[in-house]
PDB file of N, CA and C in Angstrom:
ATOM      1  N   MET A   1       7.576 -12.458  94.046  1.00  0.00           N
ATOM      2  CA  MET A   1       7.366 -12.682  92.714  1.00  0.00           C
ATOM      3  C   MET A   1       8.298 -11.527  91.860  1.00  0.00           C
ATOM      4  N   LYS A   2       8.568 -10.569  92.510  1.00  0.00           N
ATOM      5  CA  LYS A   2       9.604  -9.820  91.968  1.00  0.00           C
ATOM      6  C   LYS A   2      10.991 -10.333  91.544  1.00  0.00           C
ATOM      7  N   LYS A   3      11.365 -11.368  92.290  1.00  0.00           N
ATOM      8  CA  LYS A   3      12.501 -12.182  92.063  1.00  0.00           C
ATOM      9  C   LYS A   3      12.341 -13.081  90.662  1.00  0.00           C
ATOM     10  N   VAL A   4      11.114 -13.401  90.506  1.00  0.00           N
ATOM     11  CA  VAL A   4      11.001 -14.129  89.220  1.00  0.00           C
ATOM     12  C   VAL A   4      11.069 -13.258  88.041  1.00  0.00           C
ATOM     13  N   LEU A   5      10.528 -12.120  88.091  1.00  0.00           N
ATOM     14  CA  LEU A   5      10.632 -11.195  86.956  1.00  0.00           C
ATOM     15  C   LEU A   5      12.168 -10.697  86.777  1.00  0.00           C
ATOM     16  N   GLU A   6      12.971 -10.590  87.997  1.00  0.00           N
ATOM     17  CA  GLU A   6      14.170 -10.327  87.786  1.00  0.00           C
ATOM     18  C   GLU A   6      15.038 -11.422  87.000  1.00  0.00           C
ATOM     19  N   VAL A   7      14.871 -12.567  87.439  1.00  0.00           N
ATOM     20  CA  VAL A   7      15.389 -13.848  86.822  1.00  0.00           C
ATOM     21  C   VAL A   7      14.841 -13.788  85.124  1.00  0.00           C
ATOM     22  N   SER A   8      13.741 -13.600  84.982  1.00  0.00           N
ATOM     23  CA  SER A   8      13.307 -13.502  83.568  1.00  0.00           C
ATOM     24  C   SER A   8      14.038 -12.385  82.735  1.00  0.00           C
ATOM     25  N   SER A   9      14.271 -11.295  83.265  1.00  0.00           N
ATOM     26  CA  SER A   9      14.850 -10.172  82.597  1.00  0.00           C
ATOM     27  C   SER A   9      16.313 -10.493  82.460  1.00  0.00           C
ATOM     28  N   LYS A  10      16.980 -11.217  83.487  1.00  0.00           N
ATOM     29  CA  LYS A  10      18.373 -11.583  83.282  1.00  0.00           C
ATOM     30  C   LYS A  10      18.669 -12.595  82.328  1.00  0.00           C
ATOM     31  N   ILE A  11      17.773 -13.508  82.214  1.00  0.00           N
ATOM     32  CA  ILE A  11      17.895 -14.626  81.067  1.00  0.00           C
ATOM     33  C   ILE A  11      17.785 -13.991  79.709  1.00  0.00           C
ATOM     34  N   LEU A  12      16.781 -13.070  79.488  1.00  0.00           N
ATOM     35  CA  LEU A  12      16.517 -12.559  78.197  1.00  0.00           C
ATOM     36  C   LEU A  12      17.819 -11.628  77.892  1.00  0.00           C
ATOM     37  N   GLU A  13      18.466 -11.017  78.813  1.00  0.00           N
ATOM     38  CA  GLU A  13      19.538 -10.133  78.574  1.00  0.00           C
ATOM     39  C   GLU A  13      20.738 -11.105  78.360  1.00  0.00           C
ATOM     40  N   ALA A  14      20.839 -12.351  78.989  1.00  0.00           N
ATOM     41  CA  ALA A  14      22.041 -13.221  78.635  1.00  0.00           C
ATOM     42  C   ALA A  14      21.809 -13.768  77.242  1.00  0.00           C
ATOM     43  N   MET A  15      20.537 -14.107  76.844  1.00  0.00           N
ATOM     44  CA  MET A  15      20.348 -14.533  75.396  1.00  0.00           C
ATOM     45  C   MET A  15      20.649 -13.668  74.516  1.00  0.00           C
ATOM     46  N   LYS A  16      20.407 -12.360  74.743  1.00  0.00           N
ATOM     47  CA  LYS A  16      20.759 -11.211  73.888  1.00  0.00           C
ATOM     48  C   LYS A  16      22.298 -10.962  73.739  1.00  0.00           C
ATOM     49  N   ASN A  17      22.870 -11.229  75.027  1.00  0.00           N
ATOM     50  CA  ASN A  17      24.411 -10.923  74.973  1.00  0.00           C
ATOM     51  C   ASN A  17      25.203 -12.209  74.681  1.00  0.00           C
ATOM     52  N   ILE A  18      24.458 -13.406  74.450  1.00  0.00           N
ATOM     53  CA  ILE A  18      25.186 -14.572  74.317  1.00  0.00           C
ATOM     54  C   ILE A  18      26.038 -14.949  75.495  1.00  0.00           C
ATOM     55  N   ASN A  19      25.678 -14.954  76.722  1.00  0.00           N
ATOM     56  CA  ASN A  19      26.293 -14.962  77.912  1.00  0.00           C
ATOM     57  C   ASN A  19      26.017 -16.644  78.449  1.00  0.00           C
ATOM     58  N   GLU A  20      26.909 -17.422  77.993  1.00  0.00           N
ATOM     59  CA  GLU A  20      26.666 -18.902  78.302  1.00  0.00           C
ATOM     60  C   GLU A  20      26.621 -19.040  79.846  1.00  0.00           C
ATOM     61  N   GLU A  21      27.680 -18.602  80.507  1.00  0.00           N
ATOM     62  CA  GLU A  21      27.853 -18.707  82.006  1.00  0.00           C
ATOM     63  C   GLU A  21      26.566 -18.368  82.676  1.00  0.00           C
ATOM     64  N   GLN A  22      25.855 -17.270  82.478  1.00  0.00           N
ATOM     65  CA  GLN A  22      24.775 -16.821  83.052  1.00  0.00           C
ATOM     66  C   GLN A  22      23.583 -17.709  82.721  1.00  0.00           C
ATOM     67  N   LEU A  23      23.448 -18.149  81.369  1.00  0.00           N
ATOM     68  CA  LEU A  23      22.257 -18.831  81.033  1.00  0.00           C
ATOM     69  C   LEU A  23      22.414 -20.414  81.761  1.00  0.00           C
ATOM     70  N   LEU A  24      23.663 -20.830  81.972  1.00  0.00           N
ATOM     71  CA  LEU A  24      23.662 -22.076  82.720  1.00  0.00           C
ATOM     72  C   LEU A  24      23.328 -21.959  84.012  1.00  0.00           C
ATOM     73  N   ALA A  25      23.469 -20.734  84.652  1.00  0.00           N
ATOM     74  CA  ALA A  25      23.280 -20.533  86.089  1.00  0.00           C
ATOM     75  C   ALA A  25      21.822 -20.179  86.317  1.00  0.00           C
ATOM     76  N   LEU A  26      21.078 -19.667  85.402  1.00  0.00           N
ATOM     77  CA  LEU A  26      19.720 -19.317  85.384  1.00  0.00           C
ATOM     78  C   LEU A  26      18.722 -20.319  84.978  1.00  0.00           C
ATOM     79  N   ILE A  27      19.139 -21.329  84.289  1.00  0.00           N
ATOM     80  CA  ILE A  27      18.168 -22.285  83.531  1.00  0.00           C
ATOM     81  C   ILE A  27      18.328 -23.577  84.236  1.00  0.00           C
ATOM     82  N   HIS A  28      17.284 -24.129  84.845  1.00  0.00           N
ATOM     83  CA  HIS A  28      17.315 -25.469  85.340  1.00  0.00           C
ATOM     84  C   HIS A  28      18.152 -26.411  84.487  1.00  0.00           C
ATOM     85  N   GLU A  29      18.940 -27.401  85.028  1.00  0.00           N
ATOM     86  CA  GLU A  29      19.660 -28.303  84.031  1.00  0.00           C
ATOM     87  C   GLU A  29      18.461 -29.169  83.176  1.00  0.00           C
ATOM     88  N   ASP A  30      17.448 -29.301  83.831  1.00  0.00           N
ATOM     89  CA  ASP A  30      16.393 -30.124  82.892  1.00  0.00           C
ATOM     90  C   ASP A  30      15.430 -29.290  82.243  1.00  0.00           C
ATOM     91  N   GLY A  31      15.781 -28.101  82.142  1.00  0.00           N
ATOM     92  CA  GLY A  31      14.753 -26.991  81.319  1.00  0.00           C
ATOM     93  C   GLY A  31      14.660 -27.449  80.014  1.00  0.00           C
ATOM     94  N   GLU A  32      13.551 -26.903  79.413  1.00  0.00           N
ATOM     95  CA  GLU A  32      13.269 -27.157  78.065  1.00  0.00           C
ATOM     96  C   GLU A  32      12.722 -26.104  77.408  1.00  0.00           C
ATOM     97  N   PHE A  33      12.916 -25.863  76.069  1.00  0.00           N
ATOM     98  CA  PHE A  33      12.537 -24.637  75.334  1.00  0.00           C
ATOM     99  C   PHE A  33      11.812 -25.205  74.059  1.00  0.00           C
ATOM    100  N   VAL A  34      10.367 -24.768  74.126  1.00  0.00           N
ATOM    101  CA  VAL A  34       9.513 -25.447  73.211  1.00  0.00           C
ATOM    102  C   VAL A  34       9.470 -24.441  72.040  1.00  0.00           C
ATOM    103  N   HIS A  35       9.916 -24.760  70.739  1.00  0.00           N
ATOM    104  CA  HIS A  35       9.750 -23.959  69.579  1.00  0.00           C
ATOM    105  C   HIS A  35       8.535 -24.603  68.712  1.00  0.00           C
ATOM    106  N   MET A  36       8.311 -23.706  67.942  1.00  0.00           N
ATOM    107  CA  MET A  36       7.185 -24.273  66.810  1.00  0.00           C
ATOM    108  C   MET A  36       7.442 -25.408  66.154  1.00  0.00           C
ATOM    109  N   SER A  37       8.709 -25.823  65.942  1.00  0.00           N
ATOM    110  CA  SER A  37       9.064 -26.854  65.162  1.00  0.00           C
ATOM    111  C   SER A  37       9.790 -27.995  65.971  1.00  0.00           C
ATOM    112  N   ARG A  38      10.329 -27.565  67.118  1.00  0.00           N
ATOM    113  CA  ARG A  38      10.983 -28.617  67.942  1.00  0.00           C
ATOM    114  C   ARG A  38      11.053 -28.346  69.330  1.00  0.00           C
ATOM    115  N   THR A  39      11.535 -29.248  70.285  1.00  0.00           N
ATOM    116  CA  THR A  39      11.665 -28.935  71.690  1.00  0.00           C
ATOM    117  C   THR A  39      13.235 -29.115  72.073  1.00  0.00           C
ATOM    118  N   LEU A  40      13.835 -28.302  72.707  1.00  0.00           N
ATOM    119  CA  LEU A  40      15.235 -28.455  72.960  1.00  0.00           C
ATOM    120  C   LEU A  40      15.492 -28.359  74.492  1.00  0.00           C
ATOM    121  N   SER A  41      16.548 -29.127  74.829  1.00  0.00           N
ATOM    122  CA  SER A  41      16.969 -29.224  76.127  1.00  0.00           C
ATOM    123  C   SER A  41      17.694 -27.832  76.428  1.00  0.00           C
ATOM    124  N   ARG A  42      17.954 -27.608  77.619  1.00  0.00           N
ATOM    125  CA  ARG A  42      18.741 -26.333  78.084  1.00  0.00           C
ATOM    126  C   ARG A  42      19.971 -26.216  77.171  1.00  0.00           C
ATOM    127  N   ASP A  43      20.822 -27.351  77.296  1.00  0.00           N
ATOM    128  CA  ASP A  43      22.083 -27.348  76.681  1.00  0.00           C
ATOM    129  C   ASP A  43      22.087 -27.132  75.037  1.00  0.00           C
ATOM    130  N   ALA A  44      21.052 -27.781  74.433  1.00  0.00           N
ATOM    131  CA  ALA A  44      20.900 -27.567  73.004  1.00  0.00           C
ATOM    132  C   ALA A  44      20.475 -26.078  72.786  1.00  0.00           C
ATOM    133  N   GLU A  45      19.547 -25.552  73.643  1.00  0.00           N
ATOM    134  CA  GLU A  45      19.220 -24.196  73.351  1.00  0.00           C
ATOM    135  C   GLU A  45      20.355 -23.319  73.438  1.00  0.00           C
ATOM    136  N   ILE A  46      21.222 -23.558  74.452  1.00  0.00           N
ATOM    137  CA  ILE A  46      22.260 -22.583  74.581  1.00  0.00           C
ATOM    138  C   ILE A  46      23.478 -22.797  73.481  1.00  0.00           C
ATOM    139  N   GLN A  47      23.544 -24.061  72.912  1.00  0.00           N
ATOM    140  CA  GLN A  47      24.281 -24.183  71.722  1.00  0.00           C
ATOM    141  C   GLN A  47      23.815 -23.290  70.469  1.00  0.00           C
ATOM    142  N   VAL A  48      22.366 -23.401  70.251  1.00  0.00           N
ATOM    143  CA  VAL A  48      21.642 -22.687  69.133  1.00  0.00           C
ATOM    144  C   VAL A  48      22.052 -21.131  69.538  1.00  0.00           C
ATOM    145  N   ILE A  49      22.117 -20.647  70.655  1.00  0.00           N
ATOM    146  CA  ILE A  49      22.348 -19.184  70.941  1.00  0.00           C
ATOM    147  C   ILE A  49      23.836 -18.882  70.808  1.00  0.00           C
ATOM    148  N   LEU A  50      24.630 -19.858  71.129  1.00  0.00           N
ATOM    149  CA  LEU A  50      26.082 -19.722  70.896  1.00  0.00           C
ATOM    150  C   LEU A  50      26.582 -19.758  69.377  1.00  0.00           C
ATOM    151  N   ASN A  51      25.758 -20.547  68.599  1.00  0.00           N
ATOM    152  CA  ASN A  51      26.020 -20.647  67.063  1.00  0.00           C
ATOM    153  C   ASN A  51      25.314 -19.547  66.326  1.00  0.00           C
ATOM    154  N   LYS A  52      24.519 -18.587  67.207  1.00  0.00           N
ATOM    155  CA  LYS A  52      23.765 -17.442  66.501  1.00  0.00           C
ATOM    156  C   LYS A  52      22.982 -18.047  65.534  1.00  0.00           C
ATOM    157  N   ASP A  53      22.308 -19.280  65.688  1.00  0.00           N
ATOM    158  CA  ASP A  53      21.178 -19.675  65.036  1.00  0.00           C
ATOM    159  C   ASP A  53      19.941 -18.974  65.229  1.00  0.00           C
ATOM    160  N   ILE A  54      19.756 -18.484  66.320  1.00  0.00           N
ATOM    161  CA  ILE A  54      18.705 -17.666  66.729  1.00  0.00           C
ATOM    162  C   ILE A  54      19.414 -16.515  67.237  1.00  0.00           C
ATOM    163  N   ALA A  55      18.934 -15.204  66.809  1.00  0.00           N
ATOM    164  CA  ALA A  55      19.671 -13.983  67.461  1.00  0.00           C
ATOM    165  C   ALA A  55      18.367 -13.350  68.223  1.00  0.00           C
ATOM    166  N   TYR A  56      18.609 -13.381  69.591  1.00  0.00           N
ATOM    167  CA  TYR A  56      17.722 -12.694  70.515  1.00  0.00           C
ATOM    168  C   TYR A  56      18.037 -11.125  70.524  1.00  0.00           C
ATOM    169  N   LYS A  57      16.871 -10.476  70.455  1.00  0.00           N
ATOM    170  CA  LYS A  57      17.068  -8.973  70.515  1.00  0.00           C
ATOM    171  C   LYS A  57      16.184  -8.276  71.633  1.00  0.00           C
ATOM    172  N   THR A  58      16.096  -6.973  71.688  1.00  0.00           N
ATOM    173  CA  THR A  58      15.353  -6.463  72.626  1.00  0.00           C
ATOM    174  C   THR A  58      13.862  -6.814  72.715  1.00  0.00           C
ATOM    175  N   VAL A  59      13.296  -7.062  73.942  1.00  0.00           N
ATOM    176  CA  VAL A  59      12.026  -7.443  73.902  1.00  0.00           C
ATOM    177  C   VAL A  59      11.308  -6.289  74.789  1.00  0.00           C
ATOM    178  N   ASP A  60      10.112  -5.937  74.273  1.00  0.00           N
ATOM    179  CA  ASP A  60       9.296  -4.809  74.909  1.00  0.00           C
ATOM    180  C   ASP A  60       8.075  -5.540  75.514  1.00  0.00           C
ATOM    181  N   PHE A  61       7.974  -5.333  76.709  1.00  0.00           N
ATOM    182  CA  PHE A  61       6.891  -6.076  77.497  1.00  0.00           C
ATOM    183  C   PHE A  61       5.769  -5.165  77.636  1.00  0.00           C
ATOM    184  N   SER A  62       4.437  -5.484  77.244  1.00  0.00           N
ATOM    185  CA  SER A  62       3.424  -4.763  77.647  1.00  0.00           C
ATOM    186  C   SER A  62       2.654  -4.908  78.963  1.00  0.00           C
ATOM    187  N   GLU A  63       3.061  -6.037  79.687  1.00  0.00           N
ATOM    188  CA  GLU A  63       2.683  -6.526  80.714  1.00  0.00           C
ATOM    189  C   GLU A  63       3.532  -7.510  81.379  1.00  0.00           C
ATOM    190  N   SER A  64       3.846  -7.389  82.664  1.00  0.00           N
ATOM    191  CA  SER A  64       4.549  -8.464  83.359  1.00  0.00           C
ATOM    192  C   SER A  64       3.767  -9.097  84.511  1.00  0.00           C
ATOM    193  N   THR A  65       3.009  -9.964  84.353  1.00  0.00           N
ATOM    194  CA  THR A  65       2.264 -10.724  85.383  1.00  0.00           C
ATOM    195  C   THR A  65       2.856 -12.086  85.800  1.00  0.00           C
ATOM    196  N   VAL A  66       2.935 -12.149  87.001  1.00  0.00           N
ATOM    197  CA  VAL A  66       3.459 -13.577  87.444  1.00  0.00           C
ATOM    198  C   VAL A  66       2.173 -14.361  88.212  1.00  0.00           C
ATOM    199  N   LYS A  67       2.033 -15.501  87.630  1.00  0.00           N
ATOM    200  CA  LYS A  67       0.921 -16.467  88.216  1.00  0.00           C
ATOM    201  C   LYS A  67       1.536 -17.392  89.081  1.00  0.00           C
ATOM    202  N   GLN A  68       1.254 -17.550  90.258  1.00  0.00           N
ATOM    203  CA  GLN A  68       1.686 -18.504  91.140  1.00  0.00           C
ATOM    204  C   GLN A  68       0.899 -19.686  91.306  1.00  0.00           C
ATOM    205  N   ILE A  69       1.437 -21.078  91.068  1.00  0.00           N
ATOM    206  CA  ILE A  69       0.510 -22.310  91.433  1.00  0.00           C
ATOM    207  C   ILE A  69       1.360 -23.130  92.383  1.00  0.00           C
ATOM    208  N   GLU A  70       1.149 -23.008  93.663  1.00  0.00           N
ATOM    209  CA  GLU A  70       1.967 -23.787  94.634  1.00  0.00           C
ATOM    210  C   GLU A  70       3.470 -23.068  94.549  1.00  0.00           C
ATOM    211  N   SER A  71       4.334 -23.976  94.338  1.00  0.00           N
ATOM    212  CA  SER A  71       5.793 -23.480  94.272  1.00  0.00           C
ATOM    213  C   SER A  71       6.193 -23.163  93.002  1.00  0.00           C
ATOM    214  N   THR A  72       5.176 -23.200  91.850  1.00  0.00           N
ATOM    215  CA  THR A  72       5.486 -22.970  90.463  1.00  0.00           C
ATOM    216  C   THR A  72       5.122 -21.467  90.096  1.00  0.00           C
ATOM    217  N   PHE A  73       6.008 -20.894  89.217  1.00  0.00           N
ATOM    218  CA  PHE A  73       5.592 -19.391  88.913  1.00  0.00           C
ATOM    219  C   PHE A  73       5.641 -19.350  87.301  1.00  0.00           C
ATOM    220  N   ILE A  74       4.617 -18.745  86.795  1.00  0.00           N
ATOM    221  CA  ILE A  74       4.413 -18.621  85.300  1.00  0.00           C
ATOM    222  C   ILE A  74       4.577 -17.228  85.007  1.00  0.00           C
ATOM    223  N   VAL A  75       5.306 -16.785  84.007  1.00  0.00           N
ATOM    224  CA  VAL A  75       5.349 -15.398  83.526  1.00  0.00           C
ATOM    225  C   VAL A  75       4.861 -15.550  81.953  1.00  0.00           C
ATOM    226  N   VAL A  76       3.733 -15.594  81.558  1.00  0.00           N
ATOM    227  CA  VAL A  76       3.231 -15.851  80.314  1.00  0.00           C
ATOM    228  C   VAL A  76       3.742 -17.120  79.771  1.00  0.00           C
ATOM    229  N   THR A  77       4.814 -17.250  78.898  1.00  0.00           N
ATOM    230  CA  THR A  77       5.317 -18.492  78.419  1.00  0.00           C
ATOM    231  C   THR A  77       6.511 -19.030  79.019  1.00  0.00           C
ATOM    232  N   GLU A  78       6.891 -18.691  80.172  1.00  0.00           N
ATOM    233  CA  GLU A  78       8.006 -18.889  80.977  1.00  0.00           C
ATOM    234  C   GLU A  78       7.578 -19.650  82.437  1.00  0.00           C
ATOM    235  N   VAL A  79       8.081 -20.820  82.589  1.00  0.00           N
ATOM    236  CA  VAL A  79       7.886 -21.413  83.928  1.00  0.00           C
ATOM    237  C   VAL A  79       8.981 -21.397  84.877  1.00  0.00           C
ATOM    238  N   TYR A  80       8.916 -21.203  86.142  1.00  0.00           N
ATOM    239  CA  TYR A  80      10.062 -20.998  86.866  1.00  0.00           C
ATOM    240  C   TYR A  80       9.711 -21.912  88.176  1.00  0.00           C
ATOM    241  N   THR A  81      10.901 -22.469  88.696  1.00  0.00           N
ATOM    242  CA  THR A  81      10.704 -23.487  89.943  1.00  0.00           C
ATOM    243  C   THR A  81      11.841 -22.809  91.035  1.00  0.00           C
ATOM    244  N   PRO A  82      11.511 -22.853  92.179  1.00  0.00           N
ATOM    245  CA  PRO A  82      12.368 -22.383  93.229  1.00  0.00           C
ATOM    246  C   PRO A  82      13.710 -23.241  93.242  1.00  0.00           C
ATOM    247  N   SER A  83      14.755 -22.453  93.517  1.00  0.00           N
ATOM    248  CA  SER A  83      16.202 -22.771  93.448  1.00  0.00           C
ATOM    249  C   SER A  83      16.856 -22.189  94.423  1.00  0.00           C
ATOM    250  N   GLY A  84      17.147 -22.779  95.762  1.00  0.00           N
ATOM    251  CA  GLY A  84      17.658 -21.844  96.832  1.00  0.00           C
ATOM    252  C   GLY A  84      16.944 -20.738  97.145  1.00  0.00           C
ATOM    253  N   ASP A  85      17.477 -19.614  97.235  1.00  0.00           N
ATOM    254  CA  ASP A  85      16.666 -18.289  97.398  1.00  0.00           C
ATOM    255  C   ASP A  85      16.203 -17.608  96.279  1.00  0.00           C
ATOM    256  N   SER A  86      16.317 -18.315  95.040  1.00  0.00           N
ATOM    257  CA  SER A  86      16.113 -17.650  93.798  1.00  0.00           C
ATOM    258  C   SER A  86      15.139 -18.515  92.880  1.00  0.00           C
ATOM    259  N   PHE A  87      15.135 -18.392  91.777  1.00  0.00           N
ATOM    260  CA  PHE A  87      14.345 -19.309  90.962  1.00  0.00           C
ATOM    261  C   PHE A  87      15.157 -19.546  89.507  1.00  0.00           C
ATOM    262  N   LYS A  88      14.868 -20.779  88.874  1.00  0.00           N
ATOM    263  CA  LYS A  88      15.329 -21.197  87.667  1.00  0.00           C
ATOM    264  C   LYS A  88      14.457 -21.383  86.752  1.00  0.00           C
ATOM    265  N   LEU A  89      14.671 -20.948  85.422  1.00  0.00           N
ATOM    266  CA  LEU A  89      13.725 -21.148  84.297  1.00  0.00           C
ATOM    267  C   LEU A  89      13.625 -22.734  84.313  1.00  0.00           C
ATOM    268  N   SER A  90      12.251 -23.377  84.134  1.00  0.00           N
ATOM    269  CA  SER A  90      12.205 -24.801  83.788  1.00  0.00           C
ATOM    270  C   SER A  90      11.572 -25.068  82.434  1.00  0.00           C
ATOM    271  N   SER A  91      10.891 -23.966  81.854  1.00  0.00           N
ATOM    272  CA  SER A  91      10.386 -24.209  80.444  1.00  0.00           C
ATOM    273  C   SER A  91      10.114 -22.798  79.905  1.00  0.00           C
ATOM    274  N   LEU A  92      10.314 -22.600  78.613  1.00  0.00           N
ATOM    275  CA  LEU A  92      10.049 -21.596  77.907  1.00  0.00           C
ATOM    276  C   LEU A  92       9.419 -22.001  76.585  1.00  0.00           C
ATOM    277  N   ALA A  93       8.158 -21.503  76.342  1.00  0.00           N
ATOM    278  CA  ALA A  93       7.640 -21.779  74.858  1.00  0.00           C
ATOM    279  C   ALA A  93       7.533 -20.463  74.270  1.00  0.00           C
ATOM    280  N   PHE A  94       7.962 -20.647  72.878  1.00  0.00           N
ATOM    281  CA  PHE A  94       7.948 -19.608  71.956  1.00  0.00           C
ATOM    282  C   PHE A  94       6.548 -19.607  71.073  1.00  0.00           C
ATOM    283  N   THR A  95       5.608 -18.902  71.967  1.00  0.00           N
ATOM    284  CA  THR A  95       4.242 -18.939  71.297  1.00  0.00           C
ATOM    285  C   THR A  95       3.745 -17.545  71.517  1.00  0.00           C
ATOM    286  N   LYS A  96       2.507 -17.275  71.202  1.00  0.00           N
ATOM    287  CA  LYS A  96       1.769 -16.089  71.600  1.00  0.00           C
ATOM    288  C   LYS A  96       0.374 -16.437  72.185  1.00  0.00           C
ATOM    289  N   ARG A  97       0.389 -15.940  73.498  1.00  0.00           N
ATOM    290  CA  ARG A  97      -0.820 -16.181  74.387  1.00  0.00           C
ATOM    291  C   ARG A  97      -1.954 -15.233  73.826  1.00  0.00           C
ATOM    292  N   VAL A  98      -3.184 -15.702  73.700  1.00  0.00           N
ATOM    293  CA  VAL A  98      -4.269 -14.822  73.090  1.00  0.00           C
ATOM    294  C   VAL A  98      -5.387 -15.059  74.073  1.00  0.00           C
TER     295      VAL A  98
END
């Protein structure tokens, strides 16, 4: 489960630093990003980041809990699937869990 949190952290850092290569490597090619107004594919989300339409900044976590359901791992609003000896982001929903 530690690996999932490491991948999550790397993705957020790559978003903040606009690192296309790392995002392509860490996000599943069929991954989806669910925003309040639309759902984007991995490539569309990366274009939004590259165009600076969304600026990701530092995120402070109050809790980092990983929930495992068979081979799927959930980190609050992020869903990861196994990929080789690591994990790839499958879905990220921009929402607030209450």
